[in-house]
Every structure is written in structure tokens, then in C-alpha cells.
């Protein structure tokens, strides 16, 4: 049993060290300044929507307010399986409608049908994918234009939050995405690795779609497309100043359902693509392969937990005095809670949103992180769930933020490897 715990501990340590180095080590490198380009890229905004009547109008209006030539972009909404007024609300706000021609049971299938219709038009140079509950920064398309003209075929924008103060759950999800944007993708861009798509607020070129299409079949179409790009040699670039504001779940139950789906989809991607990504033997594909292989830590955690319980029961039978270690365990728990709280404070501070309303998230972020570990284990032991709609109702104005100190943008991974 001791050997099992040792091996599990070594594997967990190896992955932890790797992600610490890639997430924080890359921040030691400076961004390279990227020149500005004249606005000339023809863009189609693509939005798959299912029962999003309450929020789709806000998204379309924010896209209509882009500081980008209006004759160079169009907005398309793909209503699918709707039982409300999503289509009419989108049209009233100024969007065009793309109709699904076949059965749609996921966002990936809706996007596939949309791209088939859009590429047939031969009208656009790039496509930007958004979720119906998003709000989009007015300069988003300008940054897409710069990235595409710099040679990037696929690029992820900064996924921000429009409701970090609605509850401690929405605040915790906001902290997670801020970290993913500021340290995970930012650091990979500086290390010249491939960023990861985050489900919304990203650009794909017309040339890339014509090359590999949009053929995803897992519960996490963004992670799957990230893997497909890596296997074909496309490095995903990073657009740190191209912000979208996403609505985060307010209720813990909705967040748990969403995170379980993410873990199940990531496990599906691991089974399909991890081996091929590692065997490709490029730095970018190896990094993405490690992301999927990290799911094995769920099983390692289960095995380690069982081994620990068995070892503890044996020790108690042999007269082990557990009470002597209770203060140490309490100190360890308080330390973990304090570390999580500090991480939340740092992210709120970096985003210029640290205030009294962030306190519930700061206090509860440790419990959110613990719940994610439990959800990961549960997802590893159960069948993948069916896709479920998470209702979006948060109509909101564009959040105000503190201006970034640096306006330099680095577009890495131009073209293919």
C-alpha cells in the first residue's frame, strides 16, 4: 500500500510541477509588440442559441456596436431546439438567421451546420464564435483583424465575466476564467505553445474550416477542436485585449452540472486524442496531450484516497492515536483555505474588481475548489451525461474595468507548425 501511495504522489507532483512551470514560468517572458493593421478582414459572428430569448438581444446589440466597419461583418444566430422567442429576439436586435437542416443535439452539431452554410457563401475571411449570453468588447473585431492579418488561423480571446458579484458561485467561476486567461493562455502564448479554446470568444479562419472542418462529437467541442488543431499543426493564438463577458452560473447546482459535463467531455477527448497528441512529438501537441492525460489524476486520486483510508484503518487497529494529529490536520485545512482565498483576492485585484461584494467569493473559493475535485472523481466513475441547458437570464450592461497597463498584443502560432 505504501508503494501505491508513493507512486500516486509522484505522479501528482509531476503534473503539478509541470503546470506551475507552464502557467507561471511563461509570465517571466515579455510580450512582443504587434503592429496594427488596417481593418479589412471580413468577419461573420456565429452564435448557436437554444432558448436564449432573455439574453440574445444584448449580445447582438453589443456586436452591432463594434468599432469596426459595419460592411465588413455580419451577425448570424443559429436557433436550435428552441421553444421560446429566441429567433424573433435575435432578428429584432439585428441578427441574421441560419436554420439547422438536420437534427441538433449539441452546440458542436449546430456549429457544424452553420459553418457548412457560411463557407458555401464564399464571403468571409474569419468566423468568431460566441455564446448567446455573452457581451462583446467594442474592439473585439479589430483585434481579430490584427490577429488574422498577422497570419493566425485560430485565436482565443479573453473570457471575462459579466456577473462576478451575483453569488459566490458566479464569483468563483469568474476567478477560474480570469486565471485561465491571465496565466494559462497568456503564459502559453509567451512560451510559444498553443493556447486552449474556452468555448466562446474565439476566431477561426475560413481557410482552417475548409481544411479540417468542424467535426466534433464530444461534450466539450472547444477542447476537442483544440486537439484537432494541434494534430493538424495549427497553433492557437492568444488575443488578450479581445474581451468577451460571459454569464456565469449563479446556483451551485447549475455550476456542478456544467463542470461535470466538462470533465466527462475531457475524458472523452483523452481517450480519443491523448495518445496521438503525445506521439506527434511537438511542444504544442505534447502540452495539450498533458491536459487530457491530467484526467488520469482523477483515478490516481481515487486510488490514493482508498489506499489512505485502508492504511488509516490498519493504523487505528494497531493503536494509532489519531487525536494527536487533529491540530495538524486543522492547520493544514486552514492553510489550504487561506491559499485559495488569497488566490481569489489576487484575481479580483488584477481585474480591478476587488471590493466588499467580492468577499463571499473570497471566503467560499476553497469550497468551490474542493467541490470541483469531488465532481471530477464522480464524473470519472459515471457515464457521460446528456447535454443540459443552463438557463441564462442575466441581462446586463458592459462591465466597467480598470484599463490594462500594457496595450501590447502578442499573436503567436501564426499559420501552421
Protein backbone atom coordinates (compact mmCIF):
# COMPACT_ATOMS: atom_id res chain seq x y z
CA UNK A 1 0.00 0.00 0.00
CA UNK A 2 2.90 2.30 0.76
CA UNK A 3 4.20 1.87 -2.78
CA UNK A 4 0.78 2.74 -4.22
CA UNK A 5 0.69 5.98 -2.25
CA UNK A 6 4.27 6.80 -3.28
CA UNK A 7 3.58 6.28 -6.99
CA UNK A 8 0.35 8.28 -6.82
CA UNK A 9 2.16 11.06 -5.02
CA UNK A 10 4.96 11.17 -7.60
CA UNK A 11 2.50 11.33 -10.50
CA UNK A 12 0.53 14.09 -8.85
CA UNK A 13 3.71 16.02 -8.08
CA UNK A 14 4.98 15.68 -11.65
CA UNK A 15 1.78 17.14 -13.13
CA UNK A 16 1.66 19.89 -10.51
CA UNK A 17 5.25 20.95 -11.21
CA UNK A 18 4.64 20.90 -14.96
CA UNK A 19 1.60 23.17 -14.73
CA UNK A 20 3.25 25.51 -12.27
CA UNK A 21 6.15 25.94 -14.70
CA UNK A 22 3.93 26.43 -17.76
CA UNK A 23 1.41 28.70 -16.08
CA UNK A 24 3.78 30.91 -14.14
CA UNK A 25 7.17 30.34 -15.77
CA UNK A 26 5.93 31.75 -19.05
CA UNK A 27 4.98 35.00 -17.34
CA UNK A 28 8.69 35.74 -16.93
CA UNK A 29 8.91 36.31 -20.68
CA UNK A 30 7.77 39.61 -22.13
CA UNK A 31 5.06 40.05 -24.72
CA UNK A 32 6.30 41.01 -28.15
CA UNK A 33 4.63 44.13 -29.59
CA UNK A 34 2.44 43.51 -32.63
CA UNK A 35 1.83 46.16 -35.27
CA UNK A 36 -1.62 47.48 -36.11
CA UNK A 37 -3.34 46.60 -39.38
CA UNK A 38 -5.97 48.37 -41.40
CA UNK A 39 -9.46 46.95 -40.82
CA UNK A 40 -10.23 44.81 -43.86
CA UNK A 41 -10.91 41.24 -42.69
CA UNK A 42 -14.46 40.10 -43.47
CA UNK A 43 -15.93 38.56 -40.32
CA UNK A 44 -19.02 36.50 -39.52
CA UNK A 45 -20.12 36.34 -35.89
CA UNK A 46 -21.64 32.91 -35.21
CA UNK A 47 -23.95 32.21 -32.26
CA UNK A 48 -25.61 28.88 -31.52
CA UNK A 49 -28.69 29.57 -29.36
CA UNK A 50 -31.17 27.34 -27.57
CA UNK A 51 -33.92 29.09 -25.62
CA UNK A 52 -31.91 32.29 -25.10
CA UNK A 53 -34.66 34.87 -25.58
CA UNK A 54 -33.71 36.73 -22.40
CA UNK A 55 -30.09 37.44 -23.40
CA UNK A 56 -29.62 37.05 -27.17
CA UNK A 57 -30.70 40.64 -27.86
CA UNK A 58 -28.00 42.04 -25.56
CA UNK A 59 -25.32 40.03 -27.36
CA UNK A 60 -26.44 41.12 -30.83
CA UNK A 61 -26.62 44.76 -29.78
CA UNK A 62 -23.09 44.61 -28.34
CA UNK A 63 -21.89 43.15 -31.64
CA UNK A 64 -23.68 45.89 -33.57
CA UNK A 65 -21.66 48.42 -31.52
CA UNK A 66 -18.28 47.11 -32.66
CA UNK A 67 -15.77 49.79 -33.62
CA UNK A 68 -15.26 48.05 -36.93
CA UNK A 69 -16.58 48.88 -40.41
CA UNK A 70 -20.19 47.68 -40.48
CA UNK A 71 -19.87 46.49 -44.08
CA UNK A 72 -17.11 44.07 -43.07
CA UNK A 73 -19.05 41.92 -40.61
CA UNK A 74 -22.38 40.15 -40.23
CA UNK A 75 -24.06 38.53 -37.23
CA UNK A 76 -25.61 35.07 -37.56
CA UNK A 77 -27.70 33.29 -34.93
CA UNK A 78 -28.45 29.56 -35.24
CA UNK A 79 -31.60 28.82 -33.21
CA UNK A 80 -31.84 25.12 -32.42
CA UNK A 81 -34.48 23.21 -30.46
CA UNK A 82 -35.99 26.49 -29.24
CA UNK A 83 -39.37 26.66 -27.53
CA UNK A 84 -39.28 30.40 -26.86
CA UNK A 85 -38.82 33.60 -28.85
CA UNK A 86 -35.05 33.36 -29.36
CA UNK A 87 -35.25 33.69 -33.15
CA UNK A 88 -37.53 36.74 -33.09
CA UNK A 89 -35.46 38.44 -30.37
CA UNK A 90 -32.29 37.92 -32.44
CA UNK A 91 -33.90 39.31 -35.58
CA UNK A 92 -35.34 42.30 -33.71
CA UNK A 93 -31.83 43.14 -32.46
CA UNK A 94 -30.40 43.00 -36.00
CA UNK A 95 -29.05 39.47 -36.49
CA UNK A 96 -29.42 37.19 -39.47
CA UNK A 97 -30.79 33.68 -39.00
CA UNK A 98 -29.17 30.42 -40.09
CA UNK A 99 -31.51 27.46 -39.89
CA UNK A 100 -30.42 23.98 -38.93
CA UNK A 101 -31.18 21.50 -41.68
CA UNK A 102 -30.89 18.37 -39.57
CA UNK A 103 -31.13 17.07 -36.02
CA UNK A 104 -29.09 19.03 -33.49
CA UNK A 105 -28.33 17.67 -30.02
CA UNK A 106 -25.26 19.75 -29.12
CA UNK A 107 -23.56 23.08 -29.74
CA UNK A 108 -20.92 21.32 -31.84
CA UNK A 109 -23.54 19.97 -34.25
CA UNK A 110 -25.15 23.41 -34.59
CA UNK A 111 -21.77 24.98 -35.38
CA UNK A 112 -21.01 22.29 -37.95
CA UNK A 113 -24.19 23.07 -39.86
CA UNK A 114 -23.54 26.80 -39.59
CA UNK A 115 -20.01 26.54 -40.98
CA UNK A 116 -21.19 24.40 -43.88
CA UNK A 117 -23.62 27.16 -44.88
CA UNK A 118 -21.18 30.03 -44.28
CA UNK A 119 -18.28 28.54 -46.24
CA UNK A 120 -20.64 27.95 -49.15
CA UNK A 121 -21.25 31.72 -49.28
CA UNK A 122 -17.54 32.43 -50.05
CA UNK A 123 -17.97 35.76 -48.29
CA UNK A 124 -15.85 35.73 -45.11
CA UNK A 125 -12.20 35.54 -44.11
CA UNK A 126 -12.81 34.61 -40.47
CA UNK A 127 -15.54 33.44 -38.11
CA UNK A 128 -15.97 34.48 -34.48
CA UNK A 129 -17.88 32.11 -32.20
CA UNK A 130 -19.85 33.45 -29.24
CA UNK A 131 -22.35 32.13 -26.72
CA UNK A 132 -25.79 33.71 -26.60
CA UNK A 133 -25.29 35.05 -23.06
CA UNK A 134 -22.10 36.98 -23.93
CA UNK A 135 -21.38 40.67 -24.20
CA UNK A 136 -18.52 41.64 -26.52
CA UNK A 137 -15.97 44.43 -26.09
CA UNK A 138 -16.31 47.07 -28.86
CA UNK A 139 -12.72 46.46 -30.05
CA UNK A 140 -13.04 42.67 -30.34
CA UNK A 141 -13.28 42.52 -34.14
CA UNK A 142 -10.38 44.94 -34.52
CA UNK A 143 -8.15 42.57 -32.53
CA UNK A 144 -9.42 39.66 -34.63
CA UNK A 145 -8.50 41.64 -37.74
CA UNK A 146 -4.97 42.18 -36.41
CA UNK A 147 -4.53 38.53 -35.48
CA UNK A 148 -5.78 37.25 -38.81
CA UNK A 149 -3.62 39.64 -40.83
CA UNK A 150 -0.63 38.58 -38.70
CA UNK A 151 -1.20 35.07 -40.06
CA UNK A 152 -3.16 33.45 -37.23
CA UNK A 153 -5.74 30.87 -38.28
CA UNK A 154 -7.29 30.32 -34.84
CA UNK A 155 -7.15 32.58 -31.78
CA UNK A 156 -8.79 32.74 -28.36
CA UNK A 157 -9.97 35.97 -26.73
CA UNK A 158 -10.02 36.87 -23.02
CA UNK A 159 -13.05 35.23 -21.38
CA UNK A 160 -14.25 37.69 -18.75
CA UNK A 161 -17.38 37.67 -16.55
CA UNK A 162 -20.40 39.94 -16.57
CA UNK A 163 -21.82 38.79 -13.21
CA UNK A 164 -18.99 38.06 -10.73
CA UNK A 165 -20.98 39.53 -7.82
CA UNK A 166 -24.30 37.69 -8.29
CA UNK A 167 -23.28 34.90 -5.89
CA UNK A 168 -20.18 33.22 -4.51
CA UNK A 169 -20.64 30.55 -7.20
CA UNK A 170 -20.64 33.01 -10.12
CA UNK A 171 -17.70 34.76 -8.47
CA UNK A 172 -15.76 31.51 -8.18
CA UNK A 173 -16.40 30.68 -11.83
CA UNK A 174 -15.23 34.19 -12.72
CA UNK A 175 -11.99 33.68 -10.76
CA UNK A 176 -11.43 30.42 -12.63
CA UNK A 177 -11.80 32.04 -16.06
CA UNK A 178 -9.69 35.03 -15.09
CA UNK A 179 -6.93 32.64 -14.08
CA UNK A 180 -7.29 30.65 -17.30
CA UNK A 181 -6.98 33.82 -19.35
CA UNK A 182 -4.30 35.65 -17.37
CA UNK A 183 -1.99 32.76 -16.55
CA UNK A 184 -2.90 29.61 -18.50
CA UNK A 185 -3.37 31.03 -22.02
CA UNK A 186 -1.22 34.13 -21.53
CA UNK A 187 1.72 32.06 -20.35
CA UNK A 188 1.38 29.57 -23.19
CA UNK A 189 1.37 32.39 -25.71
CA UNK A 190 4.61 33.72 -24.26
CA UNK A 191 6.14 30.23 -24.35
CA UNK A 192 5.08 29.85 -27.99
CA UNK A 193 2.83 26.92 -27.09
CA UNK A 194 -0.76 26.53 -28.25
CA UNK A 195 -3.48 28.22 -26.23
CA UNK A 196 -6.70 26.35 -25.48
CA UNK A 197 -10.14 27.34 -26.75
CA UNK A 198 -12.56 28.25 -23.95
CA UNK A 199 -15.87 27.59 -25.69
CA UNK A 200 -16.64 31.18 -26.69
CA UNK A 201 -14.91 34.36 -27.83
CA UNK A 202 -12.61 32.76 -30.37
CA UNK A 203 -11.76 33.19 -34.05
CA UNK A 204 -11.21 30.56 -36.74
CA UNK A 205 -10.18 31.40 -40.27
CA UNK A 206 -12.17 30.41 -43.32
CA UNK A 207 -9.09 28.59 -44.62
CA UNK A 208 -8.85 26.46 -41.47
CA UNK A 209 -12.52 25.50 -41.56
CA UNK A 210 -12.18 24.50 -45.20
CA UNK A 211 -9.12 22.43 -44.29
CA UNK A 212 -10.30 20.48 -41.26
CA UNK A 213 -14.00 21.41 -40.97
CA UNK A 214 -15.85 21.45 -37.68
CA UNK A 215 -16.29 17.80 -36.77
CA UNK A 216 -16.65 17.46 -33.01
CA UNK A 217 -18.53 14.70 -31.25
CA UNK A 218 -17.70 15.04 -27.56
CA UNK A 219 -19.38 17.01 -24.78
CA UNK A 220 -16.60 19.62 -24.92
CA UNK A 221 -16.38 20.79 -28.53
CA UNK A 222 -13.87 23.51 -27.62
CA UNK A 223 -11.32 21.09 -26.14
CA UNK A 224 -11.87 18.65 -28.99
CA UNK A 225 -11.29 21.32 -31.62
CA UNK A 226 -8.17 22.38 -29.71
CA UNK A 227 -6.88 18.82 -30.10
CA UNK A 228 -7.83 18.64 -33.79
CA UNK A 229 -5.95 21.88 -34.47
CA UNK A 230 -2.84 20.56 -32.73
CA UNK A 231 -2.94 17.30 -34.68
CA UNK A 232 -3.09 19.25 -37.95
CA UNK A 233 -0.31 21.62 -36.91
CA UNK A 234 -2.39 24.74 -36.20
CA UNK A 235 -1.21 26.61 -33.12
CA UNK A 236 -3.94 28.53 -31.29
CA UNK A 237 -3.01 32.17 -30.77
CA UNK A 238 -3.95 34.48 -27.92
CA UNK A 239 -5.80 37.81 -28.10
CA UNK A 240 -5.54 39.20 -24.54
CA UNK A 241 -7.26 42.50 -25.32
CA UNK A 242 -10.17 40.92 -27.22
CA UNK A 243 -12.61 40.51 -24.33
CA UNK A 244 -15.97 38.83 -24.08
CA UNK A 245 -18.10 38.92 -20.94
CA UNK A 246 -19.76 35.62 -20.11
CA UNK A 247 -22.68 34.89 -17.78
CA UNK A 248 -21.60 32.52 -15.01
CA UNK A 249 -23.97 30.12 -13.20
CA UNK A 250 -25.39 31.62 -10.03
CA UNK A 251 -26.61 28.40 -8.41
CA UNK A 252 -24.19 25.74 -7.20
CA UNK A 253 -26.27 23.00 -8.80
CA UNK A 254 -26.00 24.56 -12.27
CA UNK A 255 -22.27 25.02 -11.83
CA UNK A 256 -21.86 21.40 -10.73
CA UNK A 257 -23.80 20.14 -13.77
CA UNK A 258 -21.66 22.28 -16.07
CA UNK A 259 -18.37 21.17 -14.52
CA UNK A 260 -19.35 17.51 -14.58
CA UNK A 261 -20.04 17.84 -18.32
CA UNK A 262 -16.64 19.47 -18.82
CA UNK A 263 -14.86 16.64 -17.01
CA UNK A 264 -16.79 13.97 -18.92
CA UNK A 265 -16.02 15.68 -22.22
CA UNK A 266 -12.35 16.00 -21.31
CA UNK A 267 -12.24 12.27 -20.53
CA UNK A 268 -13.78 11.58 -23.95
CA UNK A 269 -11.06 13.71 -25.56
CA UNK A 270 -8.37 11.90 -23.57
CA UNK A 271 -9.49 8.53 -24.92
CA UNK A 272 -9.70 9.82 -28.49
CA UNK A 273 -6.70 12.12 -28.81
CA UNK A 274 -4.17 11.93 -25.94
CA UNK A 275 -2.04 9.16 -27.47
CA UNK A 276 -1.93 10.79 -30.91
CA UNK A 277 -1.07 14.18 -29.42
CA UNK A 278 1.85 12.79 -27.41
CA UNK A 279 3.10 10.77 -30.39
CA UNK A 280 3.11 13.85 -32.62
CA UNK A 281 6.17 14.99 -30.66
CA UNK A 282 5.78 18.75 -30.88
CA UNK A 283 5.83 21.01 -27.85
CA UNK A 284 2.32 22.33 -28.53
CA UNK A 285 0.74 18.90 -29.05
CA UNK A 286 2.56 17.47 -26.02
CA UNK A 287 1.19 20.26 -23.83
CA UNK A 288 -2.38 19.65 -24.98
CA UNK A 289 -1.89 15.91 -24.57
CA UNK A 290 -0.79 16.55 -20.98
CA UNK A 291 -4.01 18.48 -20.41
CA UNK A 292 -6.03 15.38 -21.30
CA UNK A 293 -3.71 12.94 -19.51
CA UNK A 294 -4.22 15.06 -16.43
CA UNK A 295 -7.62 13.38 -16.21
CA UNK A 296 -5.77 10.28 -15.06
CA UNK A 297 -5.17 12.16 -11.82
CA UNK A 298 -8.87 11.62 -11.11
CA UNK A 299 -8.20 7.89 -10.99
CA UNK A 300 -4.94 8.44 -9.13
CA UNK A 301 -6.86 10.47 -6.57
CA UNK A 302 -9.45 7.71 -6.15
CA UNK A 303 -6.75 5.07 -5.74
CA UNK A 304 -4.76 7.24 -3.36
CA UNK A 305 -7.87 8.00 -1.31
CA UNK A 306 -8.79 4.32 -0.96
CA UNK A 307 -5.21 3.44 -0.05
CA UNK A 308 -5.11 6.20 2.57
CA UNK A 309 -8.37 5.04 4.19
CA UNK A 310 -7.16 1.42 4.29
CA UNK A 311 -3.83 2.47 5.79
CA UNK A 312 -5.58 4.63 8.39
CA UNK A 313 -7.93 1.82 9.43
CA UNK A 314 -4.99 -0.56 9.84
CA UNK A 315 -3.13 2.03 11.91
CA UNK A 316 -6.16 2.57 14.18
CA UNK A 317 -6.40 -1.18 14.75
CA UNK A 318 -2.77 -1.15 15.82
CA UNK A 319 -3.39 1.61 18.37
CA UNK A 320 -2.61 4.72 16.31
CA UNK A 321 -3.58 7.86 18.27
CA UNK A 322 -5.40 9.99 15.68
CA UNK A 323 -6.29 12.70 18.21
CA UNK A 324 -2.63 13.78 18.38
CA UNK A 325 -2.75 14.80 14.71
CA UNK A 326 -6.06 16.68 14.75
CA UNK A 327 -4.39 20.10 15.29
CA UNK A 328 -2.03 19.41 12.39
CA UNK A 329 -4.94 18.44 10.14
CA UNK A 330 -6.84 21.59 11.15
CA UNK A 331 -3.78 23.71 10.43
CA UNK A 332 -3.43 22.07 7.02
CA UNK A 333 -7.10 22.73 6.21
CA UNK A 334 -6.89 26.35 7.30
CA UNK A 335 -3.73 26.78 5.24
CA UNK A 336 -5.42 25.42 2.10
CA UNK A 337 -8.43 27.67 2.68
CA UNK A 338 -6.19 30.72 3.15
CA UNK A 339 -4.24 29.92 -0.03
CA UNK A 340 -7.46 29.68 -2.06
CA UNK A 341 -8.76 32.90 -0.53
CA UNK A 342 -5.50 34.65 -1.41
CA UNK A 343 -5.72 33.39 -4.99
CA UNK A 344 -9.24 34.84 -5.27
CA UNK A 345 -8.08 38.18 -3.84
CA UNK A 346 -5.24 38.34 -6.38
CA UNK A 347 -7.54 37.65 -9.33
CA UNK A 348 -10.13 40.22 -8.22
CA UNK A 349 -7.31 42.73 -7.71
CA UNK A 350 -5.80 42.09 -11.15
CA UNK A 351 -9.22 42.61 -12.72
CA UNK A 352 -9.78 45.84 -10.81
CA UNK A 353 -12.91 44.45 -9.12
CA UNK A 354 -11.75 43.87 -5.55
CA UNK A 355 -14.44 45.31 -3.29
CA UNK A 356 -16.82 44.38 -0.50
CA UNK A 357 -19.02 42.43 -2.92
CA UNK A 358 -16.13 40.05 -3.68
CA UNK A 359 -15.90 38.87 -0.04
CA UNK A 360 -18.39 35.94 -0.37
CA UNK A 361 -16.34 34.55 -3.26
CA UNK A 362 -13.05 35.02 -1.40
CA UNK A 363 -14.44 33.15 1.62
CA UNK A 364 -16.06 30.39 -0.43
CA UNK A 365 -13.49 29.78 -3.19
CA UNK A 366 -11.80 26.95 -1.24
CA UNK A 367 -15.11 25.09 -1.01
CA UNK A 368 -15.63 25.65 -4.73
CA UNK A 369 -12.20 24.15 -5.49
CA UNK A 370 -12.89 21.17 -3.22
CA UNK A 371 -16.25 20.56 -4.90
CA UNK A 372 -14.52 20.52 -8.30
CA UNK A 373 -12.22 17.73 -7.13
CA UNK A 374 -15.25 15.73 -5.95
CA UNK A 375 -17.09 16.39 -9.23
CA UNK A 376 -14.06 15.20 -11.20
CA UNK A 377 -13.99 11.94 -9.28
CA UNK A 378 -17.76 11.46 -9.72
CA UNK A 379 -17.50 12.12 -13.47
CA UNK A 380 -14.68 9.59 -13.73
CA UNK A 381 -16.86 6.86 -12.22
CA UNK A 382 -20.10 7.52 -14.13
CA UNK A 383 -21.26 7.60 -17.72
CA UNK A 384 -21.10 10.90 -19.63
CA UNK A 385 -24.27 12.94 -19.01
CA UNK A 386 -26.60 14.23 -21.68
CA UNK A 387 -26.21 17.87 -22.63
CA UNK A 388 -28.50 20.01 -20.46
CA UNK A 389 -29.48 23.63 -20.97
CA UNK A 390 -28.35 26.08 -18.29
CA UNK A 391 -30.82 28.90 -18.29
CA UNK A 392 -29.39 32.37 -18.91
CA UNK A 393 -31.35 35.36 -17.67
CA UNK A 394 -28.71 37.94 -16.72
CA UNK A 395 -29.36 40.97 -18.89
CA UNK A 396 -26.56 43.40 -18.07
CA UNK A 397 -24.62 46.39 -19.34
CA UNK A 398 -20.98 46.09 -20.34
CA UNK A 399 -18.94 45.86 -17.10
CA UNK A 400 -16.52 48.66 -16.40
CA UNK A 401 -12.92 47.67 -15.89
CA UNK A 402 -9.65 49.27 -14.98
CA UNK A 403 -7.56 49.88 -18.15
CA UNK A 404 -4.70 47.47 -18.76
CA UNK A 405 -1.23 48.87 -18.16
CA UNK A 406 0.12 47.44 -21.39
CA UNK A 407 -1.66 47.58 -24.72
CA UNK A 408 0.88 45.34 -26.43
CA UNK A 409 -0.64 42.26 -28.01
CA UNK A 410 1.27 39.14 -28.98
CA UNK A 411 -0.19 36.89 -31.67
CA UNK A 412 1.76 33.65 -31.59
CA UNK A 413 1.43 30.49 -33.57
CA UNK A 414 0.85 32.16 -36.92
CA UNK A 415 -0.06 29.71 -39.64
CA UNK A 416 0.86 26.08 -39.03
CA UNK A 417 3.79 24.38 -37.41
